[in-house]
Amino acid sequence: MNLRQIEVFRAIMLAGSITDAARLLHVSQPGISRMLGHIELQLGLRLFERSRGRLHPTPEAQALYAEVDRVYQGVQRVDEKARDLREGGGVSLRVLASPSTALEIAPQAVSALAARFPAARIYMETQLVREMVGQLTRNEADIAVSTLPIDHPLLVGEEVGRWSLACVFERGHRFAGRRSVGLKEVMKERLIAFSADTPQGHLIARWWQEHHLAPQAQIEVRSGQVACALAACGAGVAIVDELTAKAWNPERLDFCALQGGPAYDVFMVRHANVPPSALAQAFHGCVADAFARLRRRG
């Protein structure tokens, strides 16, 4: 018996007549009659006695129904599991995020994902790129939001947004209200700089070199958040990524764009040999939406 035959036989057993079984399954009565005849012929068994428009199951039908009901319940569990998976139940997503995306972009995406899949489990942590590579290749994480490209044979990345550099300074600074500021103007300020061995320090140093400038910084940091905290206290101005600048408390810190500043891609990265789950694909879309909102706000 195939699943359709099982469904018809079970409906007849429950309804007690061809007419009621057809109504139960929302099909025509002749179709049910033909199916029952085919089932009895295929099995070589007489399953029902017909009397006054009712069908009375034979002992063979009763014995068969006990097995059929177990199969039907199993099919129902499969359907329920599939529905549960569509809603995120029984599945989890392990997310890694670069520090700057973990301030606003990734949290917004996780929040939207949690609302869309209330039964899903979501784990998120902040990681540097070198740590992301290890965790993704070891399948210790499912997906990562990286502000830098990752070149690894086992990983694949897809552009999902962009970021650029900004100049941050305390409220009331002479740059306040400006839409942009030039590098030569920044050089006249007390500068808070990234250490040269950090990814941000490397990118910014290369940009200074392209403009044939060599600024001297009094203070060095390894984190955009620390740079913003120092700038908010009046320790100087800093060049940081706009994601960190926009996520900072506007009552304490102000920022503006850098004239002619470069823009960089943000990537969604995953294991190349592991197809993304529906949850991972949905998260990708949530991150893209978060970047779209950021652009509109900016």
C-alpha atoms as a PDB file:
ATOM      1  CA  MET A   1       0.000   0.000   0.000  1.00  0.00           C
ATOM      2  CA  ASN A   2       1.240   3.450  -0.839  1.00  0.00           C
ATOM      3  CA  LEU A   3       0.611   6.516   1.309  1.00  0.00           C
ATOM      4  CA  ARG A   4      -2.481   7.556  -0.677  1.00  0.00           C
ATOM      5  CA  GLN A   5      -4.017   4.092  -0.273  1.00  0.00           C
ATOM      6  CA  ILE A   6      -3.220   4.184   3.440  1.00  0.00           C
ATOM      7  CA  GLU A   7      -4.931   7.581   3.721  1.00  0.00           C
ATOM      8  CA  VAL A   8      -8.072   6.339   1.912  1.00  0.00           C
ATOM      9  CA  PHE A   9      -8.282   3.082   3.896  1.00  0.00           C
ATOM     10  CA  ARG A  10      -7.891   4.980   7.186  1.00  0.00           C
ATOM     11  CA  ALA A  11     -10.588   7.502   6.184  1.00  0.00           C
ATOM     12  CA  ILE A  12     -13.034   4.671   5.418  1.00  0.00           C
ATOM     13  CA  MET A  13     -12.289   3.011   8.735  1.00  0.00           C
ATOM     14  CA  LEU A  14     -12.903   6.276  10.582  1.00  0.00           C
ATOM     15  CA  ALA A  15     -15.981   7.392   8.605  1.00  0.00           C
ATOM     16  CA  GLY A  16     -17.727   4.044   8.165  1.00  0.00           C
ATOM     17  CA  SER A  17     -18.985   4.796   4.654  1.00  0.00           C
ATOM     18  CA  ILE A  18     -17.749   5.719   1.213  1.00  0.00           C
ATOM     19  CA  THR A  19     -19.749   8.953   1.261  1.00  0.00           C
ATOM     20  CA  ASP A  20     -18.381  10.155   4.598  1.00  0.00           C
ATOM     21  CA  ALA A  21     -14.823   9.101   3.707  1.00  0.00           C
ATOM     22  CA  ALA A  22     -15.037  11.142   0.482  1.00  0.00           C
ATOM     23  CA  ARG A  23     -16.289  14.122   2.482  1.00  0.00           C
ATOM     24  CA  LEU A  24     -13.453  13.661   4.980  1.00  0.00           C
ATOM     25  CA  LEU A  25     -10.827  13.693   2.234  1.00  0.00           C
ATOM     26  CA  HIS A  26     -12.580  16.357   0.100  1.00  0.00           C
ATOM     27  CA  VAL A  27     -12.696  14.072  -2.968  1.00  0.00           C
ATOM     28  CA  SER A  28     -15.436  12.433  -5.033  1.00  0.00           C
ATOM     29  CA  GLN A  29     -17.304   9.360  -3.841  1.00  0.00           C
ATOM     30  CA  PRO A  30     -16.596   7.312  -7.010  1.00  0.00           C
ATOM     31  CA  GLY A  31     -12.878   7.947  -6.555  1.00  0.00           C
ATOM     32  CA  ILE A  32     -12.981   6.475  -3.053  1.00  0.00           C
ATOM     33  CA  SER A  33     -14.959   3.459  -4.286  1.00  0.00           C
ATOM     34  CA  ARG A  34     -12.453   2.774  -7.044  1.00  0.00           C
ATOM     35  CA  MET A  35      -9.522   3.159  -4.649  1.00  0.00           C
ATOM     36  CA  LEU A  36     -11.061   0.726  -2.155  1.00  0.00           C
ATOM     37  CA  GLY A  37     -11.669  -1.825  -4.876  1.00  0.00           C
ATOM     38  CA  HIS A  38      -8.084  -1.498  -6.029  1.00  0.00           C
ATOM     39  CA  ILE A  39      -6.769  -1.911  -2.472  1.00  0.00           C
ATOM     40  CA  GLU A  40      -8.775  -5.095  -1.896  1.00  0.00           C
ATOM     41  CA  LEU A  41      -7.700  -6.485  -5.268  1.00  0.00           C
ATOM     42  CA  GLN A  42      -4.053  -5.641  -4.678  1.00  0.00           C
ATOM     43  CA  LEU A  43      -4.015  -7.136  -1.186  1.00  0.00           C
ATOM     44  CA  GLY A  44      -6.175 -10.140  -2.060  1.00  0.00           C
ATOM     45  CA  LEU A  45      -8.323  -9.455   1.001  1.00  0.00           C
ATOM     46  CA  ARG A  46     -11.953  -8.612   1.621  1.00  0.00           C
ATOM     47  CA  LEU A  47     -11.752  -5.646   3.938  1.00  0.00           C
ATOM     48  CA  PHE A  48     -15.388  -4.582   4.358  1.00  0.00           C
ATOM     49  CA  GLU A  49     -18.886  -6.029   4.435  1.00  0.00           C
ATOM     50  CA  ARG A  50     -21.399  -3.726   2.783  1.00  0.00           C
ATOM     51  CA  SER A  51     -24.775  -3.354   4.488  1.00  0.00           C
ATOM     52  CA  ARG A  52     -27.400  -0.572   4.129  1.00  0.00           C
ATOM     53  CA  GLY A  53     -24.921   1.971   2.875  1.00  0.00           C
ATOM     54  CA  ARG A  54     -22.427   1.286   5.670  1.00  0.00           C
ATOM     55  CA  LEU A  55     -19.109  -0.492   5.537  1.00  0.00           C
ATOM     56  CA  HIS A  56     -18.333  -2.955   8.315  1.00  0.00           C
ATOM     57  CA  PRO A  57     -14.635  -3.807   8.616  1.00  0.00           C
ATOM     58  CA  THR A  58     -13.646  -7.460   8.567  1.00  0.00           C
ATOM     59  CA  PRO A  59     -11.207  -8.860  11.170  1.00  0.00           C
ATOM     60  CA  GLU A  60      -8.514  -8.572   8.499  1.00  0.00           C
ATOM     61  CA  ALA A  61      -9.309  -4.870   8.099  1.00  0.00           C
ATOM     62  CA  GLN A  62      -9.140  -4.368  11.857  1.00  0.00           C
ATOM     63  CA  ALA A  63      -5.708  -6.013  12.019  1.00  0.00           C
ATOM     64  CA  LEU A  64      -4.502  -3.993   9.029  1.00  0.00           C
ATOM     65  CA  TYR A  65      -5.827  -0.765  10.512  1.00  0.00           C
ATOM     66  CA  ALA A  66      -3.691  -1.171  13.647  1.00  0.00           C
ATOM     67  CA  GLU A  67      -0.564  -1.157  11.470  1.00  0.00           C
ATOM     68  CA  VAL A  68      -1.862   1.540   9.142  1.00  0.00           C
ATOM     69  CA  ASP A  69      -2.599   3.856  12.058  1.00  0.00           C
ATOM     70  CA  ARG A  70       0.986   3.518  13.301  1.00  0.00           C
ATOM     71  CA  VAL A  71       2.282   4.389   9.823  1.00  0.00           C
ATOM     72  CA  TYR A  72      -0.103   7.342   9.589  1.00  0.00           C
ATOM     73  CA  GLN A  73       1.006   8.670  12.953  1.00  0.00           C
ATOM     74  CA  GLY A  74       4.608   8.408  11.751  1.00  0.00           C
ATOM     75  CA  VAL A  75       3.766  10.424   8.634  1.00  0.00           C
ATOM     76  CA  GLN A  76       2.099  13.036  10.808  1.00  0.00           C
ATOM     77  CA  ARG A  77       5.247  13.274  12.938  1.00  0.00           C
ATOM     78  CA  VAL A  78       7.285  13.833   9.770  1.00  0.00           C
ATOM     79  CA  ASP A  79       4.924  16.633   8.706  1.00  0.00           C
ATOM     80  CA  GLU A  80       5.074  18.169  12.160  1.00  0.00           C
ATOM     81  CA  LYS A  81       8.873  17.992  12.151  1.00  0.00           C
ATOM     82  CA  ALA A  82       9.040  19.660   8.729  1.00  0.00           C
ATOM     83  CA  ARG A  83       6.719  22.422   9.931  1.00  0.00           C
ATOM     84  CA  ASP A  84       8.793  22.803  13.086  1.00  0.00           C
ATOM     85  CA  LEU A  85      11.969  23.121  11.021  1.00  0.00           C
ATOM     86  CA  ARG A  86      10.371  25.783   8.814  1.00  0.00           C
ATOM     87  CA  GLU A  87       9.694  27.769  11.988  1.00  0.00           C
ATOM     88  CA  GLY A  88      13.238  27.248  13.297  1.00  0.00           C
ATOM     89  CA  GLY A  89      12.363  24.681  15.938  1.00  0.00           C
ATOM     90  CA  GLY A  90      14.978  22.055  16.700  1.00  0.00           C
ATOM     91  CA  VAL A  91      17.689  23.979  14.837  1.00  0.00           C
ATOM     92  CA  SER A  92      20.312  26.476  15.896  1.00  0.00           C
ATOM     93  CA  LEU A  93      22.524  29.094  14.276  1.00  0.00           C
ATOM     94  CA  ARG A  94      26.018  29.929  15.516  1.00  0.00           C
ATOM     95  CA  VAL A  95      26.957  33.458  14.428  1.00  0.00           C
ATOM     96  CA  LEU A  96      30.347  35.175  14.531  1.00  0.00           C
ATOM     97  CA  ALA A  97      30.642  38.918  14.034  1.00  0.00           C
ATOM     98  CA  SER A  98      33.524  41.345  13.610  1.00  0.00           C
ATOM     99  CA  PRO A  99      33.664  43.772  16.559  1.00  0.00           C
ATOM    100  CA  SER A 100      32.264  46.742  14.639  1.00  0.00           C
ATOM    101  CA  THR A 101      29.334  44.767  13.184  1.00  0.00           C
ATOM    102  CA  ALA A 102      28.600  43.312  16.623  1.00  0.00           C
ATOM    103  CA  LEU A 103      27.674  46.787  17.919  1.00  0.00           C
ATOM    104  CA  GLU A 104      24.551  47.340  15.839  1.00  0.00           C
ATOM    105  CA  ILE A 105      24.320  45.469  12.515  1.00  0.00           C
ATOM    106  CA  ALA A 106      24.567  41.899  13.798  1.00  0.00           C
ATOM    107  CA  PRO A 107      22.382  42.518  16.895  1.00  0.00           C
ATOM    108  CA  GLN A 108      19.652  44.017  14.705  1.00  0.00           C
ATOM    109  CA  ALA A 109      19.835  40.994  12.397  1.00  0.00           C
ATOM    110  CA  VAL A 110      19.735  38.522  15.290  1.00  0.00           C
ATOM    111  CA  SER A 111      16.770  40.358  16.804  1.00  0.00           C
ATOM    112  CA  ALA A 112      14.847  40.219  13.520  1.00  0.00           C
ATOM    113  CA  LEU A 113      15.747  36.543  13.063  1.00  0.00           C
ATOM    114  CA  ALA A 114      14.618  35.636  16.587  1.00  0.00           C
ATOM    115  CA  ALA A 115      11.263  37.333  15.995  1.00  0.00           C
ATOM    116  CA  ARG A 116      10.800  35.488  12.696  1.00  0.00           C
ATOM    117  CA  PHE A 117      11.863  32.088  14.103  1.00  0.00           C
ATOM    118  CA  PRO A 118      10.745  32.097  17.752  1.00  0.00           C
ATOM    119  CA  ALA A 119      11.575  28.415  18.250  1.00  0.00           C
ATOM    120  CA  ALA A 120      15.169  28.682  16.981  1.00  0.00           C
ATOM    121  CA  ARG A 121      18.288  28.831  19.143  1.00  0.00           C
ATOM    122  CA  ILE A 122      20.782  31.527  18.132  1.00  0.00           C
ATOM    123  CA  TYR A 123      24.321  31.911  19.470  1.00  0.00           C
ATOM    124  CA  MET A 124      26.360  35.032  18.715  1.00  0.00           C
ATOM    125  CA  GLU A 125      29.879  36.033  19.655  1.00  0.00           C
ATOM    126  CA  THR A 126      32.398  38.646  18.575  1.00  0.00           C
ATOM    127  CA  GLN A 127      35.570  37.408  16.916  1.00  0.00           C
ATOM    128  CA  LEU A 128      38.559  38.712  15.005  1.00  0.00           C
ATOM    129  CA  VAL A 129      39.048  37.441  11.464  1.00  0.00           C
ATOM    130  CA  ARG A 130      41.810  34.983  12.319  1.00  0.00           C
ATOM    131  CA  GLU A 131      39.560  33.362  14.935  1.00  0.00           C
ATOM    132  CA  MET A 132      36.628  33.288  12.522  1.00  0.00           C
ATOM    133  CA  VAL A 133      38.627  31.224  10.057  1.00  0.00           C
ATOM    134  CA  GLY A 134      39.432  28.559  12.621  1.00  0.00           C
ATOM    135  CA  GLN A 135      35.908  28.258  13.962  1.00  0.00           C
ATOM    136  CA  LEU A 136      34.270  28.151  10.539  1.00  0.00           C
ATOM    137  CA  THR A 137      36.668  25.557   9.130  1.00  0.00           C
ATOM    138  CA  ARG A 138      36.209  23.367  12.234  1.00  0.00           C
ATOM    139  CA  ASN A 139      32.413  23.711  11.928  1.00  0.00           C
ATOM    140  CA  GLU A 140      32.289  25.381  15.341  1.00  0.00           C
ATOM    141  CA  ALA A 141      30.249  28.215  13.793  1.00  0.00           C
ATOM    142  CA  ASP A 142      27.752  28.362  10.937  1.00  0.00           C
ATOM    143  CA  ILE A 143      28.172  31.866   9.559  1.00  0.00           C
ATOM    144  CA  ALA A 144      30.260  34.977  10.139  1.00  0.00           C
ATOM    145  CA  VAL A 145      29.868  38.685   9.438  1.00  0.00           C
ATOM    146  CA  SER A 146      33.337  39.940   8.551  1.00  0.00           C
ATOM    147  CA  THR A 147      34.458  43.488   7.803  1.00  0.00           C
ATOM    148  CA  LEU A 148      37.515  42.096   6.021  1.00  0.00           C
ATOM    149  CA  PRO A 149      37.766  39.638   3.115  1.00  0.00           C
ATOM    150  CA  ILE A 150      38.718  36.087   4.099  1.00  0.00           C
ATOM    151  CA  ASP A 151      40.811  34.095   1.647  1.00  0.00           C
ATOM    152  CA  HIS A 152      40.656  30.405   2.573  1.00  0.00           C
ATOM    153  CA  PRO A 153      40.061  27.360   0.328  1.00  0.00           C
ATOM    154  CA  LEU A 154      37.389  25.934   2.652  1.00  0.00           C
ATOM    155  CA  LEU A 155      35.434  29.173   3.071  1.00  0.00           C
ATOM    156  CA  VAL A 156      33.216  31.194   0.778  1.00  0.00           C
ATOM    157  CA  GLY A 157      32.222  34.832   1.272  1.00  0.00           C
ATOM    158  CA  GLU A 158      29.506  36.999  -0.218  1.00  0.00           C
ATOM    159  CA  GLU A 159      29.312  40.800  -0.040  1.00  0.00           C
ATOM    160  CA  VAL A 160      26.387  41.937   2.111  1.00  0.00           C
ATOM    161  CA  GLY A 161      27.137  45.589   2.904  1.00  0.00           C
ATOM    162  CA  ARG A 162      29.775  48.317   2.939  1.00  0.00           C
ATOM    163  CA  TRP A 163      31.552  50.486   5.465  1.00  0.00           C
ATOM    164  CA  SER A 164      33.836  53.486   5.265  1.00  0.00           C
ATOM    165  CA  LEU A 165      36.039  55.509   7.598  1.00  0.00           C
ATOM    166  CA  ALA A 166      34.895  58.365   9.800  1.00  0.00           C
ATOM    167  CA  CYS A 167      36.516  60.924  12.041  1.00  0.00           C
ATOM    168  CA  VAL A 168      35.215  60.898  15.625  1.00  0.00           C
ATOM    169  CA  PHE A 169      35.559  63.700  18.164  1.00  0.00           C
ATOM    170  CA  GLU A 170      33.983  64.984  21.359  1.00  0.00           C
ATOM    171  CA  ARG A 171      30.756  66.970  21.300  1.00  0.00           C
ATOM    172  CA  GLY A 172      31.382  70.662  20.698  1.00  0.00           C
ATOM    173  CA  HIS A 173      34.598  70.089  18.738  1.00  0.00           C
ATOM    174  CA  ARG A 174      35.351  72.494  15.908  1.00  0.00           C
ATOM    175  CA  PHE A 175      34.520  69.704  13.423  1.00  0.00           C
ATOM    176  CA  ALA A 176      30.966  69.462  14.804  1.00  0.00           C
ATOM    177  CA  GLY A 177      28.306  70.075  12.177  1.00  0.00           C
ATOM    178  CA  ARG A 178      30.674  69.310   9.303  1.00  0.00           C
ATOM    179  CA  ARG A 179      29.577  66.714   6.735  1.00  0.00           C
ATOM    180  CA  SER A 180      33.192  65.778   6.070  1.00  0.00           C
ATOM    181  CA  VAL A 181      36.740  66.642   6.995  1.00  0.00           C
ATOM    182  CA  GLY A 182      40.041  66.295   5.138  1.00  0.00           C
ATOM    183  CA  LEU A 183      43.105  64.368   6.260  1.00  0.00           C
ATOM    184  CA  LYS A 184      45.268  67.477   6.468  1.00  0.00           C
ATOM    185  CA  GLU A 185      42.785  68.990   8.900  1.00  0.00           C
ATOM    186  CA  VAL A 186      42.813  65.807  10.970  1.00  0.00           C
ATOM    187  CA  MET A 187      46.614  65.984  11.150  1.00  0.00           C
ATOM    188  CA  LYS A 188      46.366  69.307  12.985  1.00  0.00           C
ATOM    189  CA  GLU A 189      44.529  67.622  15.861  1.00  0.00           C
ATOM    190  CA  ARG A 190      45.815  65.441  18.663  1.00  0.00           C
ATOM    191  CA  LEU A 191      45.478  62.056  17.025  1.00  0.00           C
ATOM    192  CA  ILE A 192      44.337  58.768  18.532  1.00  0.00           C
ATOM    193  CA  ALA A 193      45.619  56.038  16.205  1.00  0.00           C
ATOM    194  CA  PHE A 194      45.352  52.289  15.818  1.00  0.00           C
ATOM    195  CA  SER A 195      48.452  50.211  16.401  1.00  0.00           C
ATOM    196  CA  ALA A 196      50.164  49.346  13.127  1.00  0.00           C
ATOM    197  CA  ASP A 197      49.714  45.583  13.633  1.00  0.00           C
ATOM    198  CA  THR A 198      45.900  45.795  13.763  1.00  0.00           C
ATOM    199  CA  PRO A 199      43.733  45.360  10.629  1.00  0.00           C
ATOM    200  CA  GLN A 200      42.309  48.869  11.104  1.00  0.00           C
ATOM    201  CA  GLY A 201      45.787  50.305  11.641  1.00  0.00           C
ATOM    202  CA  HIS A 202      47.015  48.657   8.457  1.00  0.00           C
ATOM    203  CA  LEU A 203      44.113  50.007   6.363  1.00  0.00           C
ATOM    204  CA  ILE A 204      44.378  53.540   7.745  1.00  0.00           C
ATOM    205  CA  ALA A 205      48.185  53.636   7.462  1.00  0.00           C
ATOM    206  CA  ARG A 206      47.932  52.608   3.817  1.00  0.00           C
ATOM    207  CA  TRP A 207      45.463  55.428   3.194  1.00  0.00           C
ATOM    208  CA  TRP A 208      47.765  57.978   4.850  1.00  0.00           C
ATOM    209  CA  GLN A 209      50.609  56.723   2.636  1.00  0.00           C
ATOM    210  CA  GLU A 210      48.490  57.094  -0.508  1.00  0.00           C
ATOM    211  CA  HIS A 211      48.105  60.774   0.428  1.00  0.00           C
ATOM    212  CA  HIS A 212      51.822  61.080   1.230  1.00  0.00           C
ATOM    213  CA  LEU A 213      51.092  61.945   4.838  1.00  0.00           C
ATOM    214  CA  ALA A 214      52.782  60.656   7.990  1.00  0.00           C
ATOM    215  CA  PRO A 215      50.851  61.748  11.079  1.00  0.00           C
ATOM    216  CA  GLN A 216      52.224  61.399  14.577  1.00  0.00           C
ATOM    217  CA  ALA A 217      49.832  59.976  17.144  1.00  0.00           C
ATOM    218  CA  GLN A 218      50.152  60.618  20.859  1.00  0.00           C
ATOM    219  CA  ILE A 219      47.804  57.765  21.797  1.00  0.00           C
ATOM    220  CA  GLU A 220      47.566  54.277  20.249  1.00  0.00           C
ATOM    221  CA  VAL A 221      44.690  51.809  20.618  1.00  0.00           C
ATOM    222  CA  ARG A 222      43.716  48.375  19.321  1.00  0.00           C
ATOM    223  CA  SER A 223      39.947  48.851  19.366  1.00  0.00           C
ATOM    224  CA  GLY A 224      37.555  51.219  17.669  1.00  0.00           C
ATOM    225  CA  GLN A 225      35.408  51.357  20.795  1.00  0.00           C
ATOM    226  CA  VAL A 226      38.393  52.410  22.893  1.00  0.00           C
ATOM    227  CA  ALA A 227      39.278  55.068  20.304  1.00  0.00           C
ATOM    228  CA  CYS A 228      35.718  56.420  20.511  1.00  0.00           C
ATOM    229  CA  ALA A 229      35.776  56.385  24.313  1.00  0.00           C
ATOM    230  CA  LEU A 230      38.992  58.399  24.337  1.00  0.00           C
ATOM    231  CA  ALA A 231      37.698  60.846  21.720  1.00  0.00           C
ATOM    232  CA  ALA A 232      34.480  61.324  23.714  1.00  0.00           C
ATOM    233  CA  CYS A 233      36.611  62.313  26.714  1.00  0.00           C
ATOM    234  CA  GLY A 234      38.463  64.967  24.710  1.00  0.00           C
ATOM    235  CA  ALA A 235      41.734  63.030  24.381  1.00  0.00           C
ATOM    236  CA  GLY A 236      41.869  63.754  20.655  1.00  0.00           C
ATOM    237  CA  VAL A 237      40.263  62.775  17.380  1.00  0.00           C
ATOM    238  CA  ALA A 238      40.357  59.330  15.824  1.00  0.00           C
ATOM    239  CA  ILE A 239      39.736  57.687  12.487  1.00  0.00           C
ATOM    240  CA  VAL A 240      37.512  54.655  12.978  1.00  0.00           C
ATOM    241  CA  ASP A 241      35.057  52.620  10.930  1.00  0.00           C
ATOM    242  CA  GLU A 242      31.658  54.263  10.494  1.00  0.00           C
ATOM    243  CA  LEU A 243      29.872  51.233  11.988  1.00  0.00           C
ATOM    244  CA  THR A 244      31.527  51.883  15.346  1.00  0.00           C
ATOM    245  CA  ALA A 245      31.054  55.642  15.056  1.00  0.00           C
ATOM    246  CA  LYS A 246      27.319  55.380  14.321  1.00  0.00           C
ATOM    247  CA  ALA A 247      26.731  52.906  17.145  1.00  0.00           C
ATOM    248  CA  TRP A 248      28.292  55.220  19.758  1.00  0.00           C
ATOM    249  CA  ASN A 249      26.197  57.353  22.087  1.00  0.00           C
ATOM    250  CA  PRO A 250      25.550  60.605  20.133  1.00  0.00           C
ATOM    251  CA  GLU A 251      25.255  62.594  23.364  1.00  0.00           C
ATOM    252  CA  ARG A 252      28.937  61.983  24.070  1.00  0.00           C
ATOM    253  CA  LEU A 253      30.534  61.613  20.646  1.00  0.00           C
ATOM    254  CA  ASP A 254      30.204  63.275  17.278  1.00  0.00           C
ATOM    255  CA  PHE A 255      31.595  62.201  13.915  1.00  0.00           C
ATOM    256  CA  CYS A 256      31.758  63.104  10.254  1.00  0.00           C
ATOM    257  CA  ALA A 257      32.903  61.458   7.051  1.00  0.00           C
ATOM    258  CA  LEU A 258      36.436  61.681   5.717  1.00  0.00           C
ATOM    259  CA  GLN A 259      36.743  63.485   2.397  1.00  0.00           C
ATOM    260  CA  GLY A 260      37.449  60.967  -0.356  1.00  0.00           C
ATOM    261  CA  GLY A 261      37.560  58.185   2.204  1.00  0.00           C
ATOM    262  CA  PRO A 262      37.718  54.607   0.925  1.00  0.00           C
ATOM    263  CA  ALA A 263      34.843  52.146   1.301  1.00  0.00           C
ATOM    264  CA  TYR A 264      35.178  48.466   2.132  1.00  0.00           C
ATOM    265  CA  ASP A 265      32.905  45.478   1.715  1.00  0.00           C
ATOM    266  CA  VAL A 266      31.356  43.466   4.534  1.00  0.00           C
ATOM    267  CA  PHE A 267      31.126  39.731   3.896  1.00  0.00           C
ATOM    268  CA  MET A 268      28.912  36.874   5.000  1.00  0.00           C
ATOM    269  CA  VAL A 269      31.308  33.933   5.309  1.00  0.00           C
ATOM    270  CA  ARG A 270      30.543  30.219   5.707  1.00  0.00           C
ATOM    271  CA  HIS A 271      32.064  26.798   5.046  1.00  0.00           C
ATOM    272  CA  ALA A 272      32.150  26.139   1.311  1.00  0.00           C
ATOM    273  CA  ASN A 273      31.265  22.436   1.704  1.00  0.00           C
ATOM    274  CA  VAL A 274      28.330  22.898   4.083  1.00  0.00           C
ATOM    275  CA  PRO A 275      25.099  24.155   2.468  1.00  0.00           C
ATOM    276  CA  PRO A 276      23.548  27.008   4.475  1.00  0.00           C
ATOM    277  CA  SER A 277      20.464  26.206   6.515  1.00  0.00           C
ATOM    278  CA  ALA A 278      17.219  28.102   6.023  1.00  0.00           C
ATOM    279  CA  LEU A 279      18.067  29.902   9.267  1.00  0.00           C
ATOM    280  CA  ALA A 280      21.480  30.960   7.918  1.00  0.00           C
ATOM    281  CA  GLN A 281      19.929  32.200   4.672  1.00  0.00           C
ATOM    282  CA  ALA A 282      17.352  34.191   6.620  1.00  0.00           C
ATOM    283  CA  PHE A 283      20.107  35.705   8.775  1.00  0.00           C
ATOM    284  CA  HIS A 284      21.935  36.765   5.602  1.00  0.00           C
ATOM    285  CA  GLY A 285      18.819  38.658   4.545  1.00  0.00           C
ATOM    286  CA  CYS A 286      18.425  40.238   7.991  1.00  0.00           C
ATOM    287  CA  VAL A 287      22.017  41.540   7.861  1.00  0.00           C
ATOM    288  CA  ALA A 288      21.407  43.005   4.392  1.00  0.00           C
ATOM    289  CA  ASP A 289      18.265  44.715   5.728  1.00  0.00           C
ATOM    290  CA  ALA A 290      20.228  46.131   8.679  1.00  0.00           C
ATOM    291  CA  PHE A 291      22.776  47.650   6.299  1.00  0.00           C
ATOM    292  CA  ALA A 292      19.963  49.121   4.190  1.00  0.00           C
ATOM    293  CA  ARG A 293      18.504  50.784   7.278  1.00  0.00           C
ATOM    294  CA  LEU A 294      21.942  52.114   8.194  1.00  0.00           C
ATOM    295  CA  ARG A 295      22.341  53.663   4.741  1.00  0.00           C
ATOM    296  CA  ARG A 296      18.927  55.322   4.979  1.00  0.00           C
ATOM    297  CA  ARG A 297      19.744  56.652   8.435  1.00  0.00           C
ATOM    298  CA  GLY A 298      23.139  57.890   7.282  1.00  0.00           C
END
